[in-house]
Amino acid sequence: MLEIRLFGALRLAWQGRALPLSGLPKTGPLLAYLLLNRLHSVEREHLAFLLWPDAPEATAKANLRRHIYDLQNALPPSPAHTPWILRTARTLQWNPQAPYWLDVARFESLGETPEHLASAVDLYAGDLLAYLDEAWLVYERGRLAALFLGRLQALIEHHTAAGDYAQALECTQRILRGDPLHEEAFRESLKLRTYRP
């Protein structure tokens, strides 16, 4: 199974071993975009202009062709009849039938029980591809960060209601480590410090 993590930094593992994704500069962003849009095919032309917005059309399209080739070579051999990437003359799509695990997909799929909320926040190892400065990432990064904060807040409420103030406080501290000016978490942490188990 190919394990892919996008929270914090792009990391791949194949059959339990780290898989370095070295190659051309936009190979990682190309893979990330396909994964984040895995439920539908993406026009090649759209991808070319998205990844190389300032390049002439011919250059952007040539860059995309080189990076697709580079990505195919960087990924492990795919199982028979199950390519990692579905390709047509006009479109690309990450193959939803391929044997892979994606942290973002798992994070989004987990339910609202305390156990699921805890598993979800544990998956969040940092903002989505935090090291990448790409305009197309801004919305998705913000959406997932908001979902993460919402799940932490739900955990705070659960732990507080259960009288587990130490765990609730740890959740507020996790929010504050990411955003020291988060007023609600700061107020919540002050309140929780006054409680006695």
Protein backbone atom coordinates (compact mmCIF):
# COMPACT_ATOMS: atom_id res chain seq x y z
CA MET A 1 0.00 0.00 0.00
CA LEU A 2 1.17 3.52 -0.85
CA GLU A 3 0.85 5.80 2.19
CA ILE A 4 0.67 9.52 1.44
CA ARG A 5 0.68 12.36 3.95
CA LEU A 6 -0.03 15.97 3.01
CA PHE A 7 -0.40 17.53 6.46
CA GLY A 8 2.75 19.46 7.32
CA ALA A 9 4.89 18.20 4.45
CA LEU A 10 4.44 15.78 1.57
CA ARG A 11 5.64 12.35 2.71
CA LEU A 12 5.28 9.01 0.97
CA ALA A 13 5.87 5.47 2.17
CA TRP A 14 5.68 2.27 0.15
CA GLN A 15 5.23 -1.05 1.96
CA GLY A 16 6.23 0.60 5.23
CA ARG A 17 9.40 2.29 3.94
CA ALA A 18 9.87 6.00 3.28
CA LEU A 19 9.74 6.81 -0.41
CA PRO A 20 11.63 9.98 -1.36
CA LEU A 21 9.92 12.08 -4.01
CA SER A 22 12.92 13.73 -5.57
CA GLY A 23 12.59 15.19 -9.00
CA LEU A 24 11.51 18.32 -10.79
CA PRO A 25 10.39 21.27 -8.65
CA LYS A 26 6.66 20.95 -9.35
CA THR A 27 6.41 17.15 -9.12
CA GLY A 28 5.25 17.33 -5.50
CA PRO A 29 2.67 20.06 -6.12
CA LEU A 30 1.36 18.14 -9.16
CA LEU A 31 0.89 15.01 -7.06
CA ALA A 32 -0.72 17.02 -4.25
CA TYR A 33 -3.19 18.69 -6.61
CA LEU A 34 -4.24 15.38 -8.13
CA LEU A 35 -4.72 13.89 -4.65
CA LEU A 36 -6.72 16.84 -3.35
CA ASN A 37 -8.94 16.63 -6.44
CA ARG A 38 -9.00 12.84 -6.52
CA LEU A 39 -12.76 12.55 -6.98
CA HIS A 40 -12.77 13.94 -10.50
CA SER A 41 -10.56 14.31 -13.54
CA VAL A 42 -8.62 17.52 -14.13
CA GLU A 43 -8.05 19.16 -17.49
CA ARG A 44 -4.37 19.10 -18.46
CA GLU A 45 -4.62 22.66 -19.72
CA HIS A 46 -6.00 23.81 -16.37
CA LEU A 47 -3.15 22.07 -14.54
CA ALA A 48 -0.52 23.61 -16.79
CA PHE A 49 -1.74 27.15 -16.16
CA LEU A 50 -2.33 26.50 -12.48
CA LEU A 51 1.21 25.26 -11.84
CA TRP A 52 2.96 27.68 -14.23
CA PRO A 53 0.70 30.75 -14.27
CA ASP A 54 3.36 33.11 -15.60
CA ALA A 55 4.74 30.84 -18.33
CA PRO A 56 3.73 31.04 -22.00
CA GLU A 57 1.17 28.42 -22.98
CA ALA A 58 3.59 26.20 -24.88
CA THR A 59 6.10 26.29 -22.02
CA ALA A 60 3.46 25.51 -19.38
CA LYS A 61 2.19 22.52 -21.36
CA ALA A 62 5.71 21.22 -21.96
CA ASN A 63 6.50 21.62 -18.26
CA LEU A 64 3.40 19.61 -17.39
CA ARG A 65 4.37 16.78 -19.74
CA ARG A 66 7.85 16.58 -18.19
CA HIS A 67 6.45 16.61 -14.66
CA ILE A 68 3.87 13.91 -15.41
CA TYR A 69 6.69 11.71 -16.71
CA ASP A 70 8.79 12.55 -13.65
CA LEU A 71 5.91 11.72 -11.29
CA GLN A 72 5.24 8.38 -13.00
CA ASN A 73 8.91 7.47 -12.53
CA ALA A 74 8.95 8.60 -8.89
CA LEU A 75 6.00 6.46 -7.84
CA PRO A 76 6.46 2.74 -7.16
CA PRO A 77 5.32 0.26 -9.82
CA SER A 78 1.53 0.14 -9.77
CA PRO A 79 -0.38 -3.11 -9.38
CA ALA A 80 -1.47 -4.80 -12.61
CA HIS A 81 -4.30 -2.97 -14.35
CA THR A 82 -4.47 -0.34 -11.58
CA PRO A 83 -2.32 2.64 -12.57
CA TRP A 84 -1.75 5.35 -9.98
CA ILE A 85 -2.86 8.02 -12.44
CA LEU A 86 -5.67 7.74 -14.97
CA ARG A 87 -4.65 9.57 -18.14
CA THR A 88 -6.43 10.65 -21.29
CA ALA A 89 -5.24 13.02 -23.99
CA ARG A 90 -7.00 15.89 -22.18
CA THR A 91 -7.28 14.91 -18.52
CA LEU A 92 -5.52 13.44 -15.50
CA GLN A 93 -6.96 11.89 -12.35
CA TRP A 94 -5.55 10.13 -9.32
CA ASN A 95 -6.96 6.62 -9.56
CA PRO A 96 -9.47 6.15 -6.71
CA GLN A 97 -9.13 2.35 -7.09
CA ALA A 98 -5.37 2.36 -6.52
CA PRO A 99 -4.12 0.83 -3.24
CA TYR A 100 -3.27 3.98 -1.33
CA TRP A 101 -3.96 5.65 2.01
CA LEU A 102 -4.17 9.46 2.24
CA ASP A 103 -4.10 11.31 5.56
CA VAL A 104 -6.39 14.08 4.29
CA ALA A 105 -9.01 11.59 3.11
CA ARG A 106 -8.90 9.75 6.42
CA PHE A 107 -9.04 13.02 8.37
CA GLU A 108 -12.17 14.10 6.49
CA SER A 109 -13.91 10.74 6.76
CA LEU A 110 -13.69 10.32 10.53
CA GLY A 111 -16.92 10.86 12.46
CA GLU A 112 -17.79 13.00 15.46
CA THR A 113 -17.41 10.49 18.29
CA PRO A 114 -14.71 11.42 20.82
CA GLU A 115 -12.51 8.56 19.60
CA HIS A 116 -12.84 9.66 15.97
CA LEU A 117 -12.24 13.31 16.87
CA ALA A 118 -9.05 12.34 18.71
CA SER A 119 -7.87 10.24 15.76
CA ALA A 120 -8.58 13.11 13.35
CA VAL A 121 -6.64 15.71 15.31
CA ASP A 122 -3.74 13.27 15.68
CA LEU A 123 -3.57 13.02 11.88
CA TYR A 124 -3.20 16.78 11.57
CA ALA A 125 0.59 17.10 11.66
CA GLY A 126 0.55 20.74 10.54
CA ASP A 127 -1.12 22.90 7.94
CA LEU A 128 -1.67 21.34 4.54
CA LEU A 129 1.67 21.35 2.67
CA ALA A 130 2.83 24.18 4.90
CA TYR A 131 6.13 24.61 3.04
CA LEU A 132 4.46 25.28 -0.33
CA ASP A 133 3.63 28.81 -1.43
CA GLU A 134 1.00 28.11 -4.09
CA ALA A 135 -2.08 30.27 -4.59
CA TRP A 136 -4.28 27.25 -5.33
CA LEU A 137 -3.55 25.82 -1.86
CA VAL A 138 -4.85 28.77 0.14
CA TYR A 139 -8.54 27.83 0.20
CA GLU A 140 -8.01 24.12 0.88
CA ARG A 141 -5.41 24.83 3.56
CA GLY A 142 -7.81 27.21 5.31
CA ARG A 143 -10.74 24.80 5.02
CA LEU A 144 -8.82 21.92 6.60
CA ALA A 145 -7.36 24.15 9.32
CA ALA A 146 -10.88 25.31 10.22
CA LEU A 147 -12.07 21.69 10.34
CA PHE A 148 -9.14 20.81 12.60
CA LEU A 149 -9.93 23.68 14.98
CA GLY A 150 -13.60 22.69 15.03
CA ARG A 151 -12.71 19.15 15.97
CA LEU A 152 -10.36 20.32 18.70
CA GLN A 153 -13.13 22.54 20.06
CA ALA A 154 -15.53 19.59 20.06
CA LEU A 155 -12.95 17.57 21.99
CA ILE A 156 -12.55 20.38 24.52
CA GLU A 157 -16.31 20.37 25.09
CA HIS A 158 -16.40 16.58 25.40
CA HIS A 159 -13.49 16.40 27.87
CA THR A 160 -14.86 19.30 29.93
CA ALA A 161 -18.30 17.69 30.16
CA ALA A 162 -16.65 14.41 31.21
CA GLY A 163 -14.61 16.20 33.89
CA ASP A 164 -11.31 15.39 32.15
CA TYR A 165 -9.92 18.90 32.50
CA ALA A 166 -6.32 17.91 31.83
CA GLN A 167 -7.23 16.56 28.38
CA ALA A 168 -9.42 19.58 27.66
CA LEU A 169 -6.54 21.87 28.63
CA GLU A 170 -4.16 19.95 26.37
CA CYS A 171 -6.54 20.56 23.46
CA THR A 172 -6.62 24.30 24.17
CA GLN A 173 -2.84 24.32 24.35
CA ARG A 174 -2.66 22.62 20.98
CA ILE A 175 -4.79 25.40 19.50
CA LEU A 176 -2.60 28.04 21.13
CA ARG A 177 0.62 26.44 19.88
CA GLY A 178 -0.67 26.97 16.35
CA ASP A 179 -2.26 30.36 17.01
CA PRO A 180 -1.07 32.09 20.22
CA LEU A 181 -3.63 34.88 19.67
CA HIS A 182 -6.67 32.57 19.49
CA GLU A 183 -8.86 34.40 22.03
CA GLU A 184 -11.46 31.69 22.60
CA ALA A 185 -8.82 29.03 23.29
CA PHE A 186 -6.96 31.42 25.60
CA ARG A 187 -10.12 32.13 27.61
CA GLU A 188 -10.94 28.43 27.71
CA SER A 189 -7.45 27.57 28.97
CA LEU A 190 -7.73 30.13 31.79
CA LYS A 191 -11.10 28.71 32.81
CA LEU A 192 -9.84 25.12 32.70
CA ARG A 193 -6.86 25.95 34.92
CA THR A 194 -9.28 26.94 37.70
CA TYR A 195 -10.99 23.55 37.71
CA ARG A 196 -9.93 20.76 40.02
CA PRO A 197 -10.36 17.14 38.89
